[in-house]
Amino acid sequence: MSGGLIPTAAPDFRSGFISIVGRPNVGKSTLMNYLVGQKIAITSPVAQTTRNRLQGILTTPQAQIIFVDTPGIHKPHHELGKVLVQNARVAINSVDVVLFVVDATSPAGKGDLFVADLVAKSSRPVILGINKIDQLSESGRKAAEVKSSYEAIAAEHGWDVVKFSALTGEGLGTLQDQLVSKLEPGPYYYPPDLVTDQPERFIMGELIREQVLLHTREEVPHSVAIAIDKVEEDEHITRILATVNVERTSQKGILIGKGGSMMKAISTAAREQMQKLVAGQVYLEIFVRVQSRWRQSRTRLAEFGYKVEQ
């Protein structure tokens, strides 16, 4: 995640911001990680994994694409949910191109139509991306049903359609070409070797949250906010001190586990990911703290980094 000098772009160089939108769990973060060639967004089988607008940067000889990964768009149930959906709406209207991602394993449903309406209200060029084609056979009744349901949405709004797999990379070359073709000539916004605009501390916190999601599944996931309290680096090791904030004492018990076993598993897995991030040894210490009803408090949300985009 280093950042060097910003070069001068050639006259035919294209650049711009592309928002990745869709329902929860359609594979938006997996897609962005694949395209930028590095893990910067966390992925998990739990819906609503993405919270903050995370920008992934892909620079090729022809273009620089800045991807804005947004929370899955859904009906909000608490203050945090409202902030997330509002931020996704802002992301749709503040970019150059919208990539609307849907899931090839099921036909278009109410959630997809809700997102399609939001996207259609923006004046931006839109590409409808059908993800997870690796999980669906090309022939058969279900494949035909899925294909026709999404093609009908695209046809109604005059959107281009690209099919791909964010897991295997199939079709992503075509997707990349389509996205670049919709961008205007423009400058380098970031140094070519940068893959995200987020500070390393933010990514560290997200890597811990990912392991909480993967290890605890339904019991704890969305009541968790991570604070990176201290990062100390020397030539041999990076020492990281973090706090996992939860809403209830029972959740704290689940996270720590019997004899500290759950926290040990979470810490070990997060540390392994962090070592890839910093390309060196990491010592990680995590504390768990109860912050009652933090998701309902605008003050706490801001403190944990969830601010409403203007």
Protein backbone atom coordinates (compact mmCIF):
# COMPACT_ATOMS: atom_id res chain seq x y z
CA MET A 1 0.00 0.00 0.00
CA SER A 2 2.90 2.33 -0.66
CA GLY A 3 2.36 5.55 -2.55
CA GLY A 4 4.95 7.14 -4.77
CA LEU A 5 4.80 9.97 -7.24
CA ILE A 6 1.77 10.67 -9.38
CA PRO A 7 2.77 10.62 -13.08
CA THR A 8 1.35 12.81 -15.81
CA ALA A 9 -1.27 10.95 -17.84
CA ALA A 10 -1.09 10.55 -21.61
CA PRO A 11 -3.88 12.30 -23.58
CA ASP A 12 -5.74 9.02 -24.20
CA PHE A 13 -5.40 7.78 -20.57
CA ARG A 14 -8.79 7.23 -18.90
CA SER A 15 -9.64 7.47 -15.23
CA GLY A 16 -12.59 7.74 -12.91
CA PHE A 17 -14.60 6.43 -9.97
CA ILE A 18 -16.78 3.34 -10.23
CA SER A 19 -19.29 2.42 -7.55
CA ILE A 20 -19.93 -1.30 -6.94
CA VAL A 21 -23.53 -1.65 -5.70
CA GLY A 22 -25.96 -4.48 -5.09
CA ARG A 23 -27.80 -6.47 -2.46
CA PRO A 24 -25.84 -7.87 0.51
CA ASN A 25 -23.74 -10.96 -0.28
CA VAL A 26 -23.62 -10.75 -4.08
CA GLY A 27 -19.80 -10.72 -4.01
CA LYS A 28 -18.93 -7.01 -4.28
CA SER A 29 -15.90 -7.14 -1.93
CA THR A 30 -14.59 -10.38 -3.48
CA LEU A 31 -14.83 -8.70 -6.88
CA MET A 32 -12.92 -5.60 -5.79
CA ASN A 33 -10.18 -7.67 -4.13
CA TYR A 34 -9.75 -9.70 -7.33
CA LEU A 35 -9.61 -6.65 -9.59
CA VAL A 36 -7.04 -4.74 -7.52
CA GLY A 37 -5.03 -7.93 -7.02
CA GLN A 38 -4.82 -7.73 -3.25
CA LYS A 39 -7.06 -8.31 -0.25
CA ILE A 40 -8.26 -4.91 0.92
CA ALA A 41 -11.94 -5.60 1.59
CA ILE A 42 -13.15 -8.27 3.99
CA THR A 43 -15.45 -11.01 2.79
CA SER A 44 -17.70 -13.30 4.79
CA PRO A 45 -20.85 -15.42 4.34
CA VAL A 46 -22.64 -13.03 6.71
CA ALA A 47 -24.70 -10.27 5.05
CA GLN A 48 -23.70 -6.63 5.61
CA THR A 49 -19.96 -7.30 5.84
CA THR A 50 -18.93 -4.01 4.22
CA ARG A 51 -19.55 -0.91 6.33
CA ASN A 52 -17.32 1.96 5.28
CA ARG A 53 -16.89 3.17 1.72
CA LEU A 54 -13.67 1.46 0.75
CA GLN A 55 -11.82 2.60 -2.34
CA GLY A 56 -9.81 0.05 -4.29
CA ILE A 57 -7.46 1.35 -6.97
CA LEU A 58 -6.64 -0.51 -10.19
CA THR A 59 -4.04 1.07 -12.46
CA THR A 60 -3.31 -0.37 -15.93
CA PRO A 61 -1.27 1.16 -18.79
CA GLN A 62 -4.54 2.49 -20.26
CA ALA A 63 -6.51 3.61 -17.21
CA GLN A 64 -6.85 4.16 -13.48
CA ILE A 65 -10.09 2.87 -12.01
CA ILE A 66 -11.02 3.80 -8.44
CA PHE A 67 -13.62 1.32 -7.17
CA VAL A 68 -15.94 2.38 -4.37
CA ASP A 69 -17.19 -0.73 -2.52
CA THR A 70 -20.50 0.01 -0.83
CA PRO A 71 -22.55 -1.75 1.86
CA GLY A 72 -25.20 -4.11 0.53
CA ILE A 73 -28.36 -2.08 -0.04
CA HIS A 74 -31.19 -3.30 2.18
CA LYS A 75 -34.02 -2.05 4.39
CA PRO A 76 -32.30 -0.61 7.50
CA HIS A 77 -33.24 -1.88 10.99
CA HIS A 78 -31.12 0.41 13.19
CA GLU A 79 -29.12 3.65 13.10
CA LEU A 80 -26.03 1.88 11.71
CA GLY A 81 -28.17 0.38 8.92
CA LYS A 82 -29.53 3.84 8.02
CA VAL A 83 -25.99 5.26 7.84
CA LEU A 84 -24.85 2.37 5.59
CA VAL A 85 -27.75 2.68 3.14
CA GLN A 86 -27.45 6.47 3.00
CA ASN A 87 -23.73 6.11 2.21
CA ALA A 88 -24.49 3.60 -0.57
CA ARG A 89 -26.98 6.07 -2.11
CA VAL A 90 -24.38 8.84 -1.99
CA ALA A 91 -21.86 6.51 -3.65
CA ILE A 92 -24.22 5.90 -6.56
CA ASN A 93 -24.55 9.62 -7.26
CA SER A 94 -20.95 10.69 -6.72
CA VAL A 95 -19.14 8.45 -9.21
CA ASP A 96 -18.55 8.30 -12.98
CA VAL A 97 -19.91 4.78 -13.61
CA VAL A 98 -22.10 2.38 -11.60
CA LEU A 99 -21.42 -1.37 -11.58
CA PHE A 100 -24.62 -3.04 -10.35
CA VAL A 101 -23.71 -6.57 -9.22
CA VAL A 102 -26.29 -9.37 -8.99
CA ASP A 103 -26.06 -13.06 -8.09
CA ALA A 104 -26.33 -15.67 -10.88
CA THR A 105 -27.49 -18.38 -8.47
CA SER A 106 -30.98 -16.90 -8.12
CA PRO A 107 -33.34 -14.89 -10.36
CA ALA A 108 -33.96 -11.18 -9.74
CA GLY A 109 -35.94 -10.61 -6.56
CA LYS A 110 -37.46 -7.64 -4.70
CA GLY A 111 -34.05 -6.62 -3.33
CA ASP A 112 -32.53 -6.44 -6.82
CA LEU A 113 -35.48 -4.41 -8.13
CA PHE A 114 -35.10 -2.00 -5.19
CA VAL A 115 -31.41 -1.46 -6.05
CA ALA A 116 -32.22 -1.21 -9.78
CA ASP A 117 -34.68 1.62 -9.04
CA LEU A 118 -32.07 3.50 -6.98
CA VAL A 119 -29.43 3.06 -9.70
CA ALA A 120 -31.84 4.06 -12.47
CA LYS A 121 -32.48 7.40 -10.71
CA SER A 122 -28.82 8.37 -11.17
CA SER A 123 -27.70 9.80 -14.50
CA ARG A 124 -24.51 7.70 -14.54
CA PRO A 125 -23.67 4.99 -17.08
CA VAL A 126 -24.50 1.57 -15.62
CA ILE A 127 -23.17 -1.94 -16.22
CA LEU A 128 -25.18 -4.85 -14.85
CA GLY A 129 -22.67 -7.48 -13.68
CA ILE A 130 -23.95 -11.01 -13.18
CA ASN A 131 -21.55 -12.61 -10.66
CA LYS A 132 -21.06 -16.24 -9.52
CA ILE A 133 -21.44 -17.78 -13.00
CA ASP A 134 -19.05 -20.51 -11.79
CA GLN A 135 -21.88 -21.79 -9.58
CA LEU A 136 -24.44 -22.16 -12.36
CA SER A 137 -24.46 -24.48 -15.37
CA GLU A 138 -24.96 -22.58 -18.64
CA SER A 139 -27.84 -24.81 -19.72
CA GLY A 140 -30.99 -25.80 -17.90
CA ARG A 141 -34.20 -24.10 -16.86
CA LYS A 142 -32.75 -22.26 -13.85
CA ALA A 143 -29.94 -20.73 -15.93
CA ALA A 144 -32.46 -19.52 -18.50
CA GLU A 145 -34.74 -18.10 -15.78
CA VAL A 146 -31.88 -16.23 -14.09
CA LYS A 147 -30.57 -14.89 -17.41
CA SER A 148 -33.96 -13.63 -18.61
CA SER A 149 -34.84 -12.04 -15.23
CA TYR A 150 -31.68 -9.87 -15.18
CA GLU A 151 -31.64 -9.19 -18.91
CA ALA A 152 -35.19 -7.84 -18.59
CA ILE A 153 -34.00 -5.30 -15.98
CA ALA A 154 -31.04 -4.31 -18.16
CA ALA A 155 -33.17 -3.99 -21.29
CA GLU A 156 -35.71 -1.79 -19.48
CA HIS A 157 -32.99 0.73 -18.57
CA GLY A 158 -30.64 0.27 -21.56
CA TRP A 159 -27.79 -1.12 -19.43
CA ASP A 160 -24.93 -3.30 -20.72
CA VAL A 161 -24.66 -6.80 -19.20
CA VAL A 162 -21.43 -8.65 -18.33
CA LYS A 163 -21.32 -12.15 -16.80
CA PHE A 164 -18.34 -13.14 -14.63
CA SER A 165 -17.02 -14.96 -11.56
CA ALA A 166 -15.26 -12.85 -8.93
CA LEU A 167 -13.94 -16.10 -7.46
CA THR A 168 -12.31 -17.65 -10.55
CA GLY A 169 -11.74 -14.48 -12.58
CA GLU A 170 -13.73 -15.76 -15.56
CA GLY A 171 -15.17 -12.85 -17.58
CA LEU A 172 -13.34 -10.17 -15.55
CA GLY A 173 -11.15 -9.13 -18.50
CA THR A 174 -14.32 -8.31 -20.44
CA LEU A 175 -15.77 -6.49 -17.42
CA GLN A 176 -12.60 -4.41 -17.02
CA ASP A 177 -12.64 -3.45 -20.74
CA GLN A 178 -16.32 -2.43 -20.51
CA LEU A 179 -15.70 -0.30 -17.41
CA VAL A 180 -12.70 1.48 -18.98
CA SER A 181 -14.71 2.18 -22.16
CA LYS A 182 -17.26 4.11 -20.08
CA LEU A 183 -14.65 6.35 -18.41
CA GLU A 184 -13.63 9.74 -19.79
CA PRO A 185 -9.99 10.69 -20.49
CA GLY A 186 -8.51 11.87 -17.19
CA PRO A 187 -5.51 12.12 -14.85
CA TYR A 188 -3.91 9.72 -12.38
CA TYR A 189 -5.70 10.40 -9.09
CA TYR A 190 -3.29 8.22 -7.10
CA PRO A 191 0.26 6.83 -7.50
CA PRO A 192 0.13 3.75 -9.78
CA ASP A 193 1.35 1.32 -7.08
CA LEU A 194 -1.38 2.23 -4.56
CA VAL A 195 -4.24 -0.30 -4.21
CA THR A 196 -6.42 1.50 -1.63
CA ASP A 197 -6.88 4.98 -0.21
CA GLN A 198 -7.56 3.59 3.26
CA PRO A 199 -4.88 3.80 5.96
CA GLU A 200 -3.25 0.57 7.09
CA ARG A 201 -4.90 0.83 10.53
CA PHE A 202 -8.36 0.69 8.94
CA ILE A 203 -7.45 -2.47 7.01
CA MET A 204 -6.02 -4.03 10.21
CA GLY A 205 -9.31 -3.40 12.03
CA GLU A 206 -11.25 -4.89 9.14
CA LEU A 207 -9.09 -8.04 9.16
CA ILE A 208 -9.95 -8.57 12.85
CA ARG A 209 -13.65 -7.97 12.16
CA GLU A 210 -13.55 -10.49 9.32
CA GLN A 211 -12.28 -13.21 11.67
CA VAL A 212 -14.97 -12.34 14.23
CA LEU A 213 -17.58 -12.77 11.47
CA LEU A 214 -16.09 -16.06 10.28
CA HIS A 215 -15.66 -17.60 13.73
CA THR A 216 -18.86 -16.48 15.47
CA ARG A 217 -21.36 -16.34 12.58
CA GLU A 218 -24.88 -15.56 13.81
CA GLU A 219 -24.18 -14.97 17.52
CA VAL A 220 -22.17 -11.76 17.41
CA PRO A 221 -21.43 -10.37 13.91
CA HIS A 222 -23.06 -7.00 13.58
CA SER A 223 -22.64 -5.89 17.18
CA VAL A 224 -18.89 -5.62 16.65
CA ALA A 225 -16.78 -2.48 16.13
CA ILE A 226 -13.00 -2.65 16.11
CA ALA A 227 -10.64 0.03 17.39
CA ILE A 228 -6.90 -0.19 16.64
CA ASP A 229 -5.47 1.43 19.77
CA LYS A 230 -1.75 1.26 19.04
CA VAL A 231 0.63 0.24 16.24
CA GLU A 232 4.34 0.13 17.01
CA GLU A 233 6.81 -0.89 14.30
CA ASP A 234 10.47 -1.76 14.53
CA GLU A 235 12.67 -3.60 12.03
CA HIS A 236 11.77 -7.05 13.40
CA ILE A 237 8.08 -6.90 14.33
CA THR A 238 4.87 -4.84 14.23
CA ARG A 239 3.03 -4.74 17.57
CA ILE A 240 -0.72 -4.11 17.34
CA LEU A 241 -3.07 -3.44 20.23
CA ALA A 242 -6.79 -3.61 19.39
CA THR A 243 -10.17 -3.49 21.14
CA VAL A 244 -13.25 -5.38 19.97
CA ASN A 245 -16.36 -3.50 21.11
CA VAL A 246 -19.60 -5.46 21.53
CA GLU A 247 -23.06 -4.50 22.79
CA ARG A 248 -23.74 -7.19 25.42
CA THR A 249 -21.83 -9.07 28.14
CA SER A 250 -23.04 -12.38 26.65
CA GLN A 251 -21.35 -11.45 23.35
CA LYS A 252 -18.12 -10.74 25.20
CA GLY A 253 -18.30 -14.26 26.66
CA ILE A 254 -18.81 -15.80 23.21
CA LEU A 255 -15.88 -13.84 21.75
CA ILE A 256 -13.48 -14.82 24.53
CA GLY A 257 -14.66 -18.45 24.55
CA LYS A 258 -13.89 -21.22 27.03
CA GLY A 259 -10.47 -20.56 28.51
CA GLY A 260 -9.91 -17.83 25.90
CA SER A 261 -10.07 -20.38 23.04
CA MET A 262 -12.29 -18.34 20.69
CA MET A 263 -10.23 -15.17 21.04
CA LYS A 264 -7.06 -17.17 20.49
CA ALA A 265 -8.45 -18.57 17.22
CA ILE A 266 -9.62 -15.11 16.05
CA SER A 267 -6.27 -13.49 16.97
CA THR A 268 -4.19 -16.18 15.27
CA ALA A 269 -6.17 -15.98 12.00
CA ALA A 270 -6.20 -12.14 11.99
CA ARG A 271 -2.46 -12.04 12.73
CA GLU A 272 -1.74 -14.31 9.74
CA GLN A 273 -3.66 -11.93 7.45
CA MET A 274 -1.93 -8.87 8.94
CA GLN A 275 1.49 -10.41 8.31
CA LYS A 276 0.63 -10.48 4.59
CA LEU A 277 -0.48 -6.84 4.83
CA VAL A 278 2.70 -5.54 6.48
CA ALA A 279 4.98 -8.16 4.85
CA GLY A 280 6.58 -9.02 8.20
CA GLN A 281 6.06 -10.45 11.70
CA VAL A 282 3.08 -9.23 13.75
CA TYR A 283 2.37 -9.40 17.49
CA LEU A 284 -1.37 -8.87 18.04
CA GLU A 285 -3.16 -8.35 21.35
CA ILE A 286 -6.95 -7.97 21.41
CA PHE A 287 -9.17 -6.83 24.30
CA VAL A 288 -12.98 -7.14 24.36
CA ARG A 289 -15.09 -4.30 25.75
CA VAL A 290 -18.87 -3.94 26.20
CA GLN A 291 -20.33 -0.72 24.75
CA SER A 292 -24.08 -0.97 25.24
CA ARG A 293 -26.26 -0.16 22.18
CA TRP A 294 -23.41 1.47 20.24
CA ARG A 295 -25.17 0.87 16.89
CA GLN A 296 -28.03 3.15 17.97
CA SER A 297 -25.76 6.03 18.98
CA ARG A 298 -24.63 8.56 16.36
CA THR A 299 -21.77 9.60 18.70
CA ARG A 300 -20.50 6.03 19.09
CA LEU A 301 -20.92 5.38 15.35
CA ALA A 302 -18.76 8.40 14.55
CA GLU A 303 -16.21 7.34 17.18
CA PHE A 304 -15.91 3.93 15.50
CA GLY A 305 -15.55 5.49 12.05
CA TYR A 306 -19.11 5.18 10.68
CA LYS A 307 -19.87 8.69 9.52
CA VAL A 308 -22.70 9.70 7.21
CA GLU A 309 -21.40 10.64 3.74
CA GLN A 310 -22.59 14.02 2.56
